[in-house]
């Protein structure tokens, strides 16, 4: 079986794939100080909770945007699963990177776009609603051509409550109306409808710049919440990056890497 890991700034998604595809997935908190043993023991426990032994894992593929944890992840793969992981980078990307600086393209963008292109075809726009709000564009020829990056909802909330003395953190949920009638619903409207409006505005601009009819798919921790208030998001797939890792690993095996 293939163990796939997408390490983000806030969360780490872990999944297990067999020949049929993604079998099960979990979401963990990313901790920069975590050791190889902590990763290994925790993932072993997750596997056992699904009736799977560590020895059944025969390969590991990962994308990681938190460089300080890479050594621990490599050691974990070697010590607990006896394999050298396939780590996605711009250098080994199966996705054409038609941008000014291909080496700057993050592995999370690569795996998202690989999966979106395979599942939905091209052109496609991936809206990743996580620590950052990221827009990844694949043109009609199947190449990554860039996108946009904005603060994430959680980051925006942190900034708001830290800089505005009379405002406070609220539950992130969609209010009934855009016009809030109290402080809580005012903040909720600004966050939910405000971010949905940003998504719709940028997606509409990007669609005019891409050839063909672009499909729009959302992923990330805030995807379901914002998709419900968005006019342009057509699909939500919380495991998009894990599927991209699986596809990249399958391709690497065919090419004998």
Protein backbone atom coordinates (compact mmCIF):
# COMPACT_ATOMS: atom_id res chain seq x y z
CA UNK A 1 0.00 0.00 0.00
CA UNK A 2 1.01 3.61 -0.59
CA UNK A 3 1.14 6.11 2.28
CA UNK A 4 0.58 9.70 1.09
CA UNK A 5 1.24 12.83 3.15
CA UNK A 6 0.50 16.46 2.37
CA UNK A 7 2.21 18.67 4.94
CA UNK A 8 0.76 22.17 5.12
CA UNK A 9 1.51 25.11 7.38
CA UNK A 10 -1.50 24.41 9.62
CA UNK A 11 -2.56 20.81 8.95
CA UNK A 12 -1.03 17.60 7.66
CA UNK A 13 -3.24 15.24 5.68
CA UNK A 14 -2.30 11.57 5.72
CA UNK A 15 -3.88 8.96 3.47
CA UNK A 16 -3.52 5.32 2.54
CA UNK A 17 -3.99 4.13 -1.03
CA UNK A 18 -4.40 0.72 -2.57
CA UNK A 19 -4.76 -0.26 -6.23
CA UNK A 20 -8.32 1.11 -6.30
CA UNK A 21 -7.35 4.58 -5.03
CA UNK A 22 -7.48 6.45 -1.73
CA UNK A 23 -8.76 4.11 0.97
CA UNK A 24 -8.76 6.28 4.10
CA UNK A 25 -7.45 9.69 5.18
CA UNK A 26 -6.81 11.62 8.37
CA UNK A 27 -6.10 15.28 9.22
CA UNK A 28 -3.41 16.13 11.80
CA UNK A 29 -2.02 19.37 13.18
CA UNK A 30 1.35 20.30 11.68
CA UNK A 31 3.98 20.68 14.42
CA UNK A 32 7.41 21.87 13.35
CA UNK A 33 9.11 20.36 16.40
CA UNK A 34 7.70 16.86 15.86
CA UNK A 35 10.34 14.11 15.67
CA UNK A 36 10.58 11.16 13.30
CA UNK A 37 9.55 8.80 16.11
CA UNK A 38 6.50 10.92 16.96
CA UNK A 39 5.41 10.92 13.32
CA UNK A 40 6.06 7.20 12.98
CA UNK A 41 4.27 6.12 16.15
CA UNK A 42 1.31 8.38 15.50
CA UNK A 43 0.86 7.15 11.92
CA UNK A 44 1.26 3.52 13.04
CA UNK A 45 -1.58 4.10 15.52
CA UNK A 46 -3.77 5.61 12.79
CA UNK A 47 -3.11 2.63 10.54
CA UNK A 48 -3.93 0.15 13.30
CA UNK A 49 -7.21 1.99 13.95
CA UNK A 50 -8.18 0.99 10.40
CA UNK A 51 -6.92 -2.58 10.77
CA UNK A 52 -3.70 -2.00 8.82
CA UNK A 53 -0.18 -2.94 9.92
CA UNK A 54 2.83 -0.75 9.14
CA UNK A 55 4.46 -3.61 7.21
CA UNK A 56 1.66 -3.36 4.63
CA UNK A 57 2.96 0.09 3.60
CA UNK A 58 5.40 -0.46 0.75
CA UNK A 59 5.85 3.14 -0.48
CA UNK A 60 5.55 6.73 0.77
CA UNK A 61 4.86 9.86 -1.31
CA UNK A 62 4.70 13.34 0.16
CA UNK A 63 4.43 17.05 -0.54
CA UNK A 64 5.73 19.42 2.09
CA UNK A 65 5.67 23.22 2.37
CA UNK A 66 7.30 23.25 5.83
CA UNK A 67 11.04 22.67 5.20
CA UNK A 68 12.03 22.25 8.90
CA UNK A 69 10.07 18.97 9.15
CA UNK A 70 11.48 17.35 6.00
CA UNK A 71 14.34 15.56 7.76
CA UNK A 72 11.96 14.08 10.35
CA UNK A 73 9.62 12.88 7.59
CA UNK A 74 12.47 11.26 5.67
CA UNK A 75 13.73 9.50 8.81
CA UNK A 76 10.21 8.38 9.71
CA UNK A 77 9.73 6.80 6.27
CA UNK A 78 13.03 4.96 6.46
CA UNK A 79 12.75 3.82 10.08
CA UNK A 80 9.08 2.83 10.30
CA UNK A 81 8.27 1.82 6.72
CA UNK A 82 11.73 0.86 5.37
CA UNK A 83 11.38 3.01 2.25
CA UNK A 84 12.81 6.21 0.82
CA UNK A 85 9.91 8.60 0.23
CA UNK A 86 9.04 10.19 -3.08
CA UNK A 87 9.02 13.92 -2.27
CA UNK A 88 7.37 16.12 -4.89
CA UNK A 89 9.28 19.23 -5.97
CA UNK A 90 9.35 21.50 -8.99
CA UNK A 91 12.31 19.50 -10.27
CA UNK A 92 10.40 16.19 -10.51
CA UNK A 93 6.98 17.65 -11.36
CA UNK A 94 5.04 15.74 -14.04
CA UNK A 95 3.05 18.95 -14.57
CA UNK A 96 4.47 21.47 -17.07
CA UNK A 97 5.26 24.66 -15.15
CA UNK A 98 4.78 27.54 -17.57
CA UNK A 99 5.71 30.35 -15.17
CA UNK A 100 8.60 32.79 -14.77
CA UNK A 101 10.30 30.80 -11.96
CA UNK A 102 9.33 27.10 -12.03
CA UNK A 103 11.57 26.36 -9.04
CA UNK A 104 9.39 28.62 -6.88
CA UNK A 105 6.19 26.63 -7.47
CA UNK A 106 5.22 24.89 -4.25
CA UNK A 107 4.67 21.12 -4.17
CA UNK A 108 1.15 21.63 -2.81
CA UNK A 109 0.24 23.53 -5.99
CA UNK A 110 1.73 20.80 -8.14
CA UNK A 111 -0.14 17.90 -6.51
CA UNK A 112 -3.44 19.83 -6.49
CA UNK A 113 -3.19 20.63 -10.18
CA UNK A 114 -2.11 17.12 -11.17
CA UNK A 115 -5.22 15.71 -9.49
CA UNK A 116 -7.57 18.41 -10.76
CA UNK A 117 -6.36 17.99 -14.33
CA UNK A 118 -6.79 14.21 -14.12
CA UNK A 119 -10.25 14.32 -12.50
CA UNK A 120 -11.83 17.36 -14.16
CA UNK A 121 -9.76 17.92 -17.28
CA UNK A 122 -8.24 21.20 -18.46
CA UNK A 123 -8.56 24.12 -18.20
CA UNK A 124 -9.16 24.03 -14.46
CA UNK A 125 -8.83 26.43 -11.55
CA UNK A 126 -8.07 25.06 -8.07
CA UNK A 127 -9.06 27.27 -5.14
CA UNK A 128 -7.16 26.09 -2.06
CA UNK A 129 -8.73 27.58 1.07
CA UNK A 130 -6.23 26.90 3.82
CA UNK A 131 -3.66 28.95 5.75
CA UNK A 132 -3.43 30.99 2.57
CA UNK A 133 -6.16 31.36 -0.03
CA UNK A 134 -4.52 30.18 -3.22
CA UNK A 135 -5.68 30.06 -6.82
CA UNK A 136 -3.91 27.61 -9.15
CA UNK A 137 -4.59 27.77 -12.90
CA UNK A 138 -4.05 25.02 -15.48
CA UNK A 139 -4.56 26.07 -19.09
CA UNK A 140 -6.23 24.14 -21.90
CA UNK A 141 -2.88 22.55 -22.82
CA UNK A 142 -2.55 21.09 -19.30
CA UNK A 143 0.22 23.38 -18.02
CA UNK A 144 0.31 25.25 -14.73
CA UNK A 145 0.40 28.93 -15.69
CA UNK A 146 0.27 30.63 -12.28
CA UNK A 147 -2.50 32.02 -10.11
CA UNK A 148 -2.87 34.19 -7.04
CA UNK A 149 -2.19 34.03 -3.30
CA UNK A 150 -4.13 35.90 -0.60
CA UNK A 151 -4.38 35.55 3.19
CA UNK A 152 -6.46 32.65 4.48
CA UNK A 153 -9.61 33.06 6.53
CA UNK A 154 -7.95 32.01 9.77
CA UNK A 155 -5.04 34.38 9.17
CA UNK A 156 -7.48 37.23 8.45
CA UNK A 157 -9.41 36.49 11.65
CA UNK A 158 -6.19 36.44 13.69
CA UNK A 159 -5.16 39.81 12.24
CA UNK A 160 -8.58 41.32 12.86
CA UNK A 161 -8.88 40.40 16.53
CA UNK A 162 -5.25 41.27 17.27
CA UNK A 163 -5.50 44.76 15.76
CA UNK A 164 -9.10 45.78 16.59
CA UNK A 165 -9.46 46.14 20.37
CA UNK A 166 -13.25 45.75 20.54
CA UNK A 167 -13.57 42.84 18.13
CA UNK A 168 -13.32 39.19 19.10
CA UNK A 169 -13.04 35.74 17.60
CA UNK A 170 -16.35 34.21 16.47
CA UNK A 171 -17.47 30.83 15.23
CA UNK A 172 -16.84 30.52 11.50
CA UNK A 173 -20.29 29.85 10.10
CA UNK A 174 -22.40 31.33 7.33
CA UNK A 175 -24.86 33.94 8.63
CA UNK A 176 -28.42 34.04 7.33
CA UNK A 177 -27.98 37.43 5.68
CA UNK A 178 -25.13 39.56 4.36
CA UNK A 179 -26.27 42.44 6.55
CA UNK A 180 -25.23 41.49 10.08
CA UNK A 181 -27.43 42.65 12.95
CA UNK A 182 -24.85 42.29 15.73
CA UNK A 183 -21.09 42.11 16.09
CA UNK A 184 -20.97 38.33 15.68
CA UNK A 185 -22.96 38.25 12.45
CA UNK A 186 -21.12 41.34 11.15
CA UNK A 187 -17.81 39.51 11.48
CA UNK A 188 -19.23 36.28 10.07
CA UNK A 189 -20.62 38.12 7.06
CA UNK A 190 -17.32 39.86 6.41
CA UNK A 191 -15.39 36.61 6.65
CA UNK A 192 -17.70 34.21 4.82
CA UNK A 193 -19.37 36.42 2.22
CA UNK A 194 -16.27 38.59 1.94
CA UNK A 195 -14.00 35.66 1.12
CA UNK A 196 -16.62 34.14 -1.19
CA UNK A 197 -16.78 37.46 -3.02
CA UNK A 198 -13.00 37.54 -3.36
CA UNK A 199 -13.01 33.99 -4.71
CA UNK A 200 -15.76 34.77 -7.23
CA UNK A 201 -14.09 37.99 -8.35
CA UNK A 202 -10.68 36.43 -8.94
CA UNK A 203 -12.09 33.27 -10.55
CA UNK A 204 -14.15 35.33 -13.00
CA UNK A 205 -11.07 37.36 -13.96
CA UNK A 206 -8.98 34.20 -14.37
CA UNK A 207 -11.61 32.53 -16.51
CA UNK A 208 -11.40 35.37 -19.01
CA UNK A 209 -7.63 34.87 -19.23
CA UNK A 210 -7.75 31.09 -19.73
CA UNK A 211 -8.81 29.48 -23.01
CA UNK A 212 -11.90 27.30 -22.94
CA UNK A 213 -14.48 26.65 -20.23
CA UNK A 214 -12.63 26.34 -16.92
CA UNK A 215 -13.84 24.01 -14.19
CA UNK A 216 -13.46 25.39 -10.66
CA UNK A 217 -12.69 23.03 -7.77
CA UNK A 218 -12.09 23.97 -4.14
CA UNK A 219 -9.98 22.14 -1.59
CA UNK A 220 -8.48 22.94 1.82
CA UNK A 221 -9.88 23.22 5.31
CA UNK A 222 -12.27 26.09 4.56
CA UNK A 223 -13.46 24.81 1.18
CA UNK A 224 -16.89 23.50 2.14
CA UNK A 225 -17.76 26.63 4.11
CA UNK A 226 -16.83 29.08 1.35
CA UNK A 227 -18.19 26.92 -1.49
CA UNK A 228 -21.65 27.23 0.01
CA UNK A 229 -21.50 31.01 -0.39
CA UNK A 230 -19.67 31.10 -3.73
CA UNK A 231 -21.21 31.43 -7.20
CA UNK A 232 -18.19 30.08 -9.08
CA UNK A 233 -16.99 27.00 -7.14
CA UNK A 234 -18.40 23.91 -8.87
CA UNK A 235 -16.77 21.06 -6.94
CA UNK A 236 -15.27 20.49 -3.50
CA UNK A 237 -12.63 17.80 -2.97
CA UNK A 238 -10.91 17.73 0.42
CA UNK A 239 -8.55 14.93 -0.64
CA UNK A 240 -7.39 16.51 -3.91
CA UNK A 241 -3.73 16.73 -2.90
CA UNK A 242 -3.63 13.13 -1.68
CA UNK A 243 -5.05 11.99 -5.01
CA UNK A 244 -2.40 14.07 -6.79
CA UNK A 245 0.33 12.37 -4.76
CA UNK A 246 -1.08 8.96 -5.67
CA UNK A 247 -1.12 9.83 -9.37
CA UNK A 248 2.45 11.16 -9.28
CA UNK A 249 3.66 8.02 -7.51
CA UNK A 250 1.91 5.76 -10.03
CA UNK A 251 3.53 7.68 -12.88
CA UNK A 252 6.95 7.43 -11.23
CA UNK A 253 6.57 3.64 -11.05
CA UNK A 254 5.67 3.42 -14.72
CA UNK A 255 8.74 5.48 -15.59
CA UNK A 256 10.95 3.38 -13.31
CA UNK A 257 12.08 6.20 -11.04
